[in-house]
Amino acid sequence: MEIKDKVAIVTGGASGIGAAMASRFVAEGASGVVVADQDAERADRIAREIGERALGVRCDVSNEVDIQSMVQATRARFGRVDIYASNAGILGPAGGIEITDAVWDTMWSIHLKAHLWAARAVLPEMLERGEGYFLITASAAGLLNIVETAPYGVTKHAAVAFAEWLRIAYGRSGIRVSCLCPQAVLTPMTAQGTGSAGVDGALTPEQVAQTVVDTMRKERFLSLPHPEVAGYLQEKSSDYDRWLGGMQKLHARHVAEAAPTGDHISQALKLI
């Protein structure tokens, strides 16, 4: 799909990958872009910086009513929704089964249910037109897992699975679906370090946005700003047990490195 003359929504659009995508979509000729974010002031500022074709809208994607209201605001301003970039995500604390249910529930809402609620809000009109694009930002952690934080890795796996299901169910009805799976990206959240996600280096948000545009033009499912991820995925599928053994070693190293000074990785980890 070409982005020119399309109307796009980008959640988590006030910073990082989201802001870069919103700006790039306008540069590609989008007729309208909604910068949706929980931080209303920053969303408005980013929209003003992008120009008159952008609109900042407050939206907490962990709330279905907020998503519905944001979609309605988009239609009121621009008439329709052609592209929905379900990009918003949050950090997760380091750890696993000891992490509270409240944290797990929040991660499920933002990394899975938000995509479901968005699909409910925009797919009917896309299906009626016979055309639309749904982009889910997951993470390389959604394909390969991550040793620092169980809730992040698990819920990002769910995001990939939901994107797959959308492609399976609606791909023959004119709905294009892509899943963005980067490793480390240079955002304010990575200022203190990138954790295991930085093994292949960190990209700028603009580099990730370029990959998104290229993926959408080719209408490919996986959008991999770090091409190494494809190789890791092949290794995982070719010898699952060996891959798990390697991840166990990486986890042990993480535990050993974190133990002496306490766990600071949870404050720095940002994969999207």
Protein backbone atom coordinates (compact mmCIF):
# COMPACT_ATOMS: atom_id res chain seq x y z
CA MET A 1 0.00 0.00 0.00
CA GLU A 2 1.13 3.51 -0.76
CA ILE A 3 0.59 5.96 2.10
CA LYS A 4 -0.11 8.95 -0.15
CA ASP A 5 -3.64 10.34 0.35
CA LYS A 6 -4.36 7.88 3.17
CA VAL A 7 -5.58 8.67 6.69
CA ALA A 8 -3.53 7.07 9.45
CA ILE A 9 -3.77 6.68 13.21
CA VAL A 10 -0.58 6.12 15.20
CA THR A 11 -0.93 5.21 18.87
CA GLY A 12 1.97 5.93 21.14
CA GLY A 13 2.56 8.70 18.65
CA ALA A 14 3.98 11.33 20.96
CA SER A 15 7.49 9.88 21.15
CA GLY A 16 9.92 7.30 19.80
CA ILE A 17 8.83 5.06 16.96
CA GLY A 18 5.29 6.42 17.01
CA ALA A 19 6.35 10.03 16.50
CA ALA A 20 8.75 8.97 13.74
CA MET A 21 6.03 7.00 11.96
CA ALA A 22 3.53 9.86 12.20
CA SER A 23 6.04 12.31 10.76
CA ARG A 24 7.08 9.90 8.01
CA PHE A 25 3.47 9.17 7.03
CA VAL A 26 2.88 12.89 6.45
CA ALA A 27 6.13 13.10 4.48
CA GLU A 28 4.88 10.20 2.35
CA GLY A 29 1.78 12.23 1.47
CA ALA A 30 -0.83 11.05 3.95
CA SER A 31 -3.86 13.30 3.87
CA GLY A 32 -4.26 13.05 7.62
CA VAL A 33 -2.41 11.56 10.59
CA VAL A 34 -3.69 11.28 14.14
CA VAL A 35 -1.00 11.35 16.80
CA ALA A 36 -2.68 9.43 19.61
CA ASP A 37 -1.05 9.23 23.01
CA GLN A 38 -1.85 9.19 26.71
CA ASP A 39 0.23 12.35 27.00
CA ALA A 40 -2.19 14.80 25.40
CA GLU A 41 0.13 17.81 25.66
CA ARG A 42 3.00 16.04 23.94
CA ALA A 43 0.67 14.56 21.30
CA ASP A 44 -0.55 18.06 20.45
CA ARG A 45 3.03 19.35 20.29
CA ILE A 46 4.16 16.57 17.96
CA ALA A 47 1.11 17.13 15.75
CA ARG A 48 1.85 20.86 15.51
CA GLU A 49 5.46 20.12 14.60
CA ILE A 50 4.34 17.74 11.86
CA GLY A 51 1.93 20.25 10.35
CA GLU A 52 -1.69 20.95 9.53
CA ARG A 53 -2.36 17.41 8.30
CA ALA A 54 -1.72 16.04 11.80
CA LEU A 55 -4.05 16.00 14.79
CA GLY A 56 -3.09 15.23 18.38
CA VAL A 57 -5.61 13.20 20.36
CA ARG A 58 -5.38 11.91 23.91
CA CYS A 59 -5.88 8.15 24.08
CA ASP A 60 -5.17 5.59 26.79
CA VAL A 61 -5.05 2.37 24.78
CA SER A 62 -5.67 0.29 27.91
CA ASN A 63 -9.24 1.63 27.78
CA GLU A 64 -11.50 0.49 24.93
CA VAL A 65 -13.73 3.55 25.27
CA ASP A 66 -10.71 5.82 24.72
CA ILE A 67 -9.84 3.94 21.53
CA GLN A 68 -13.40 4.24 20.24
CA SER A 69 -13.46 7.97 21.01
CA MET A 70 -10.12 8.51 19.30
CA VAL A 71 -11.32 6.69 16.17
CA GLN A 72 -14.47 8.81 16.17
CA ALA A 73 -12.35 11.97 16.44
CA THR A 74 -10.31 10.78 13.46
CA ARG A 75 -13.43 10.26 11.35
CA ALA A 76 -14.81 13.62 12.41
CA ARG A 77 -11.64 15.39 11.25
CA PHE A 78 -10.54 13.30 8.26
CA GLY A 79 -13.60 11.24 7.28
CA ARG A 80 -12.19 7.71 7.56
CA VAL A 81 -9.35 5.49 8.77
CA ASP A 82 -7.16 3.80 6.15
CA ILE A 83 -4.17 2.84 8.28
CA TYR A 84 -4.11 1.96 11.96
CA ALA A 85 -0.65 1.70 13.51
CA SER A 86 -1.25 0.07 16.89
CA ASN A 87 2.10 1.06 18.30
CA ALA A 88 1.68 2.01 21.97
CA GLY A 89 3.66 -0.04 24.45
CA ILE A 90 5.09 0.16 27.96
CA LEU A 91 8.09 -0.97 29.92
CA GLY A 92 7.89 -4.02 32.08
CA PRO A 93 9.73 -4.59 35.34
CA ALA A 94 12.46 -7.17 35.32
CA GLY A 95 11.50 -10.56 36.67
CA GLY A 96 8.96 -13.30 36.11
CA ILE A 97 6.40 -15.16 38.18
CA GLU A 98 6.95 -12.91 41.21
CA ILE A 99 5.71 -9.85 39.33
CA THR A 100 2.28 -8.75 40.54
CA ASP A 101 -0.94 -9.60 38.76
CA ALA A 102 -1.62 -5.89 38.39
CA VAL A 103 1.49 -5.49 36.23
CA TRP A 104 0.63 -8.56 34.16
CA ASP A 105 -2.93 -7.28 33.64
CA THR A 106 -1.70 -3.88 32.50
CA MET A 107 0.72 -5.46 30.04
CA TRP A 108 -2.04 -7.68 28.65
CA SER A 109 -4.29 -4.67 28.16
CA ILE A 110 -1.72 -2.56 26.35
CA HIS A 111 0.14 -5.25 24.39
CA LEU A 112 -2.82 -7.41 23.37
CA LYS A 113 -6.27 -6.07 24.17
CA ALA A 114 -5.46 -2.65 22.73
CA HIS A 115 -4.91 -4.31 19.34
CA LEU A 116 -8.18 -6.23 19.68
CA TRP A 117 -10.12 -3.10 20.62
CA ALA A 118 -8.57 -1.17 17.75
CA ALA A 119 -9.49 -3.90 15.29
CA ARG A 120 -13.08 -3.82 16.53
CA ALA A 121 -13.14 -0.05 16.00
CA VAL A 122 -11.69 0.19 12.48
CA LEU A 123 -11.99 -3.13 10.68
CA PRO A 124 -15.73 -2.89 9.86
CA GLU A 125 -15.27 0.27 7.78
CA MET A 126 -12.12 -1.14 6.16
CA LEU A 127 -13.93 -4.34 5.25
CA GLU A 128 -16.81 -2.33 3.82
CA ARG A 129 -14.38 -0.47 1.56
CA GLY A 130 -12.44 -3.64 0.80
CA GLU A 131 -9.15 -2.02 1.80
CA GLY A 132 -7.21 -1.11 4.92
CA TYR A 133 -3.89 -1.52 6.70
CA PHE A 134 -3.41 -2.69 10.28
CA LEU A 135 0.11 -2.47 11.71
CA ILE A 136 0.92 -3.93 15.12
CA THR A 137 4.13 -2.99 16.86
CA ALA A 138 5.24 -6.07 18.73
CA SER A 139 8.97 -6.57 19.27
CA ALA A 140 11.75 -8.98 18.47
CA ALA A 141 10.86 -10.22 21.96
CA GLY A 142 7.55 -11.35 20.50
CA LEU A 143 9.41 -13.69 18.17
CA LEU A 144 12.44 -14.61 20.28
CA ASN A 145 11.47 -13.80 23.89
CA ILE A 146 13.65 -11.79 26.24
CA VAL A 147 15.54 -12.78 29.38
CA GLU A 148 14.96 -9.69 31.53
CA THR A 149 11.19 -9.51 31.83
CA ALA A 150 8.57 -12.24 31.46
CA PRO A 151 5.47 -10.01 31.10
CA TYR A 152 7.02 -8.12 28.21
CA GLY A 153 8.13 -11.20 26.30
CA VAL A 154 4.90 -13.10 26.89
CA THR A 155 2.52 -10.27 25.97
CA LYS A 156 4.56 -9.36 22.90
CA HIS A 157 4.27 -12.99 21.79
CA ALA A 158 0.52 -12.54 22.06
CA ALA A 159 0.71 -9.40 19.91
CA VAL A 160 2.48 -11.35 17.15
CA ALA A 161 -0.10 -14.13 17.36
CA PHE A 162 -2.97 -11.66 17.09
CA ALA A 163 -1.37 -9.99 14.08
CA GLU A 164 -1.01 -13.42 12.47
CA TRP A 165 -4.66 -14.17 13.13
CA LEU A 166 -5.79 -10.89 11.59
CA ARG A 167 -3.75 -11.64 8.47
CA ILE A 168 -5.20 -15.16 8.28
CA ALA A 169 -8.79 -14.08 8.83
CA TYR A 170 -8.92 -10.89 6.75
CA GLY A 171 -6.01 -11.04 4.31
CA ARG A 172 -8.27 -12.15 1.47
CA SER A 173 -10.75 -9.37 2.22
CA GLY A 174 -8.43 -6.49 1.39
CA ILE A 175 -6.99 -5.99 4.86
CA ARG A 176 -3.20 -5.78 4.89
CA VAL A 177 -1.56 -6.69 8.19
CA SER A 178 2.05 -6.22 9.26
CA CYS A 179 3.84 -6.86 12.52
CA LEU A 180 6.76 -4.62 13.48
CA CYS A 181 9.42 -6.49 15.48
CA PRO A 182 12.49 -4.34 16.22
CA GLN A 183 15.21 -4.93 18.75
CA ALA A 184 16.65 -1.92 20.58
CA VAL A 185 15.65 1.56 19.40
CA LEU A 186 17.19 4.84 20.53
CA THR A 187 14.53 6.55 22.61
CA PRO A 188 14.71 8.38 25.94
CA MET A 189 13.96 5.05 27.60
CA THR A 190 17.22 3.54 26.36
CA ALA A 191 19.41 6.32 27.66
CA GLN A 192 20.68 4.10 30.48
CA GLY A 193 21.15 1.00 28.35
CA THR A 194 19.36 -1.41 26.04
CA GLY A 195 19.77 -4.73 27.83
CA SER A 196 19.92 -7.91 25.78
CA ALA A 197 17.91 -6.17 23.03
CA GLY A 198 20.98 -4.16 22.09
CA VAL A 199 23.01 -7.16 20.95
CA ASP A 200 22.84 -6.01 17.31
CA GLY A 201 22.97 -2.30 18.03
CA ALA A 202 20.25 0.28 18.48
CA LEU A 203 18.49 2.03 15.61
CA THR A 204 16.97 5.49 15.48
CA PRO A 205 13.18 5.79 15.38
CA GLU A 206 13.53 7.26 11.89
CA GLN A 207 15.33 4.14 10.69
CA VAL A 208 12.49 2.03 12.06
CA ALA A 209 9.92 4.26 10.34
CA GLN A 210 11.77 3.74 7.05
CA THR A 211 11.48 -0.03 7.51
CA VAL A 212 7.76 0.34 8.21
CA VAL A 213 7.20 2.29 4.99
CA ASP A 214 9.18 -0.28 3.00
CA THR A 215 7.19 -3.13 4.58
CA MET A 216 3.87 -1.46 3.81
CA ARG A 217 4.83 -0.90 0.18
CA LYS A 218 5.67 -4.59 -0.19
CA GLU A 219 2.73 -5.59 2.04
CA ARG A 220 4.89 -8.06 3.91
CA PHE A 221 3.84 -9.44 7.28
CA LEU A 222 7.06 -9.18 9.27
CA SER A 223 8.70 -5.77 9.51
CA LEU A 224 12.24 -6.34 10.77
CA PRO A 225 14.35 -3.20 11.21
CA HIS A 226 17.11 -5.46 12.55
CA PRO A 227 17.53 -8.06 9.77
CA GLU A 228 19.47 -10.34 12.13
CA VAL A 229 16.16 -11.23 13.77
CA ALA A 230 15.16 -13.29 10.73
CA GLY A 231 18.25 -15.45 11.19
CA TYR A 232 17.60 -15.90 14.90
CA LEU A 233 14.05 -16.95 14.13
CA GLN A 234 15.29 -19.56 11.67
CA GLU A 235 17.72 -20.90 14.28
CA LYS A 236 14.92 -21.10 16.82
CA SER A 237 12.63 -23.06 14.51
CA SER A 238 15.36 -25.39 13.23
CA ASP A 239 16.52 -26.55 16.69
CA TYR A 240 14.19 -25.36 19.42
CA ASP A 241 15.97 -27.15 22.26
CA ARG A 242 19.36 -25.76 21.31
CA TRP A 243 17.88 -22.28 21.08
CA LEU A 244 16.32 -22.64 24.53
CA GLY A 245 19.69 -23.75 25.89
CA GLY A 246 21.30 -20.62 24.50
CA MET A 247 18.60 -18.46 26.05
CA GLN A 248 19.14 -20.18 29.41
CA LYS A 249 22.81 -19.18 29.26
CA LEU A 250 21.84 -15.60 28.43
CA HIS A 251 19.37 -15.54 31.32
CA ALA A 252 22.01 -16.85 33.74
CA ARG A 253 24.39 -14.14 32.59
CA HIS A 254 21.73 -11.49 33.11
CA VAL A 255 21.03 -12.73 36.66
CA ALA A 256 24.72 -12.76 37.51
CA GLU A 257 25.28 -9.25 36.17
CA ALA A 258 22.20 -7.80 37.84
CA ALA A 259 22.73 -9.33 41.27
CA PRO A 260 25.63 -7.22 42.62
CA THR A 261 24.12 -3.78 41.99
CA GLY A 262 20.41 -4.47 41.85
CA ASP A 263 18.27 -4.57 38.80
CA HIS A 264 18.55 -1.39 36.75
CA ILE A 265 17.70 -3.03 33.45
CA SER A 266 13.98 -2.72 34.13
CA GLN A 267 14.39 1.05 34.13
CA ALA A 268 16.24 1.13 30.84
CA LEU A 269 14.69 -1.60 28.73
CA LYS A 270 12.70 -0.34 25.78
CA LEU A 271 12.19 -2.49 22.71
CA ILE A 272 9.67 -0.41 20.81
